[in-house]
Amino acid sequence: MGPKTTAGISSPPTKEPTIKLAAARLQDVPAVAYHDRVRVPGGRVGEVIGVYRREEELVLVVFASGECGELRMADVQPLSRGVR
């Protein structure tokens, strides 16, 4: 289907976004992403260095001490967004 015309003036076809589509896209956005700073259970703060999608979404977090831990995304609290 081509563009709509009115008295010789053409306009591009309109795209009507739906609320359902917008809600589906928001669900695809992870709570945390690569380089985000997060607080883990126990109060430690670290930086996300990996995100894994399996049965559960997991994140790999590195702490200031150099120690790494793999945690469920649902268990970490985002503090700040990293540089992307």
Protein backbone atom coordinates (compact mmCIF):
# COMPACT_ATOMS: atom_id res chain seq x y z
CA MET A 1 0.00 0.00 0.00
CA GLY A 2 1.49 3.33 -1.03
CA PRO A 3 1.44 6.73 0.65
CA LYS A 4 -1.88 8.49 1.19
CA THR A 5 -2.65 11.32 -1.20
CA THR A 6 -4.94 14.29 -0.69
CA ALA A 7 -5.29 16.80 -3.52
CA GLY A 8 -1.88 15.94 -4.91
CA ILE A 9 -0.12 16.10 -1.49
CA SER A 10 1.33 12.79 -0.37
CA SER A 11 2.12 11.80 3.18
CA PRO A 12 3.93 8.72 4.44
CA PRO A 13 1.83 5.87 5.82
CA THR A 14 1.29 6.21 9.55
CA LYS A 15 2.49 3.65 12.04
CA GLU A 16 0.36 3.42 15.14
CA PRO A 17 2.34 2.05 18.10
CA THR A 18 0.37 -0.12 20.46
CA ILE A 19 0.58 -0.22 24.21
CA LYS A 20 1.05 -3.98 24.09
CA LEU A 21 4.10 -3.64 21.86
CA ALA A 22 5.63 -0.98 24.12
CA ALA A 23 5.01 -3.14 27.20
CA ALA A 24 6.62 -6.15 25.48
CA ARG A 25 9.71 -4.10 24.67
CA LEU A 26 10.03 -2.92 28.29
CA GLN A 27 9.98 -6.52 29.48
CA ASP A 28 12.98 -7.26 27.24
CA VAL A 29 15.11 -4.59 28.94
CA PRO A 30 17.28 -6.23 31.60
CA ALA A 31 17.32 -4.78 35.10
CA VAL A 32 21.10 -4.45 34.89
CA ALA A 33 23.60 -4.47 32.05
CA TYR A 34 27.32 -4.65 31.37
CA HIS A 35 29.36 -2.09 33.38
CA ASP A 36 26.48 -1.19 35.74
CA ARG A 37 27.32 -0.81 39.41
CA VAL A 38 25.19 -3.04 41.62
CA ARG A 39 24.67 -3.90 45.28
CA VAL A 40 24.53 -7.63 46.04
CA PRO A 41 23.00 -9.44 49.01
CA GLY A 42 25.24 -8.77 51.98
CA GLY A 43 25.74 -5.12 50.99
CA ARG A 44 28.84 -5.40 48.78
CA VAL A 45 29.05 -3.20 45.70
CA GLY A 46 30.51 -4.36 42.40
CA GLU A 47 30.44 -3.92 38.62
CA VAL A 48 28.63 -6.20 36.20
CA ILE A 49 31.10 -7.78 33.78
CA GLY A 50 28.81 -10.36 32.23
CA VAL A 51 25.12 -11.16 31.69
CA TYR A 52 23.96 -14.71 30.97
CA ARG A 53 20.50 -15.74 29.79
CA ARG A 54 19.71 -19.27 30.89
CA GLU A 55 16.70 -20.62 32.79
CA GLU A 56 17.41 -17.72 35.14
CA GLU A 57 19.21 -14.55 34.12
CA LEU A 58 22.60 -14.46 35.81
CA VAL A 59 25.13 -11.66 36.16
CA LEU A 60 28.85 -11.91 36.77
CA VAL A 61 29.97 -9.20 39.19
CA VAL A 62 33.53 -8.14 39.98
CA PHE A 63 34.25 -6.49 43.32
CA ALA A 64 36.99 -3.98 44.24
CA SER A 65 38.98 -6.83 45.81
CA GLY A 66 39.15 -8.53 42.40
CA GLU A 67 36.88 -11.35 43.54
CA CYS A 68 34.07 -12.32 41.14
CA GLY A 69 30.67 -13.74 41.87
CA GLU A 70 27.85 -15.11 39.71
CA LEU A 71 24.43 -14.06 41.00
CA ARG A 72 20.81 -14.12 39.90
CA MET A 73 19.83 -10.83 38.27
CA ALA A 74 16.79 -10.71 40.55
CA ASP A 75 19.12 -10.65 43.60
CA VAL A 76 21.18 -7.59 42.62
CA GLN A 77 20.11 -3.98 43.08
CA PRO A 78 21.15 -1.50 40.36
CA LEU A 79 22.99 1.56 41.69
CA SER A 80 24.17 3.36 38.57
CA ARG A 81 24.37 2.76 34.84
CA GLY A 82 27.77 2.13 33.32
CA VAL A 83 29.20 3.82 30.24
CA ARG A 84 27.81 2.27 27.09
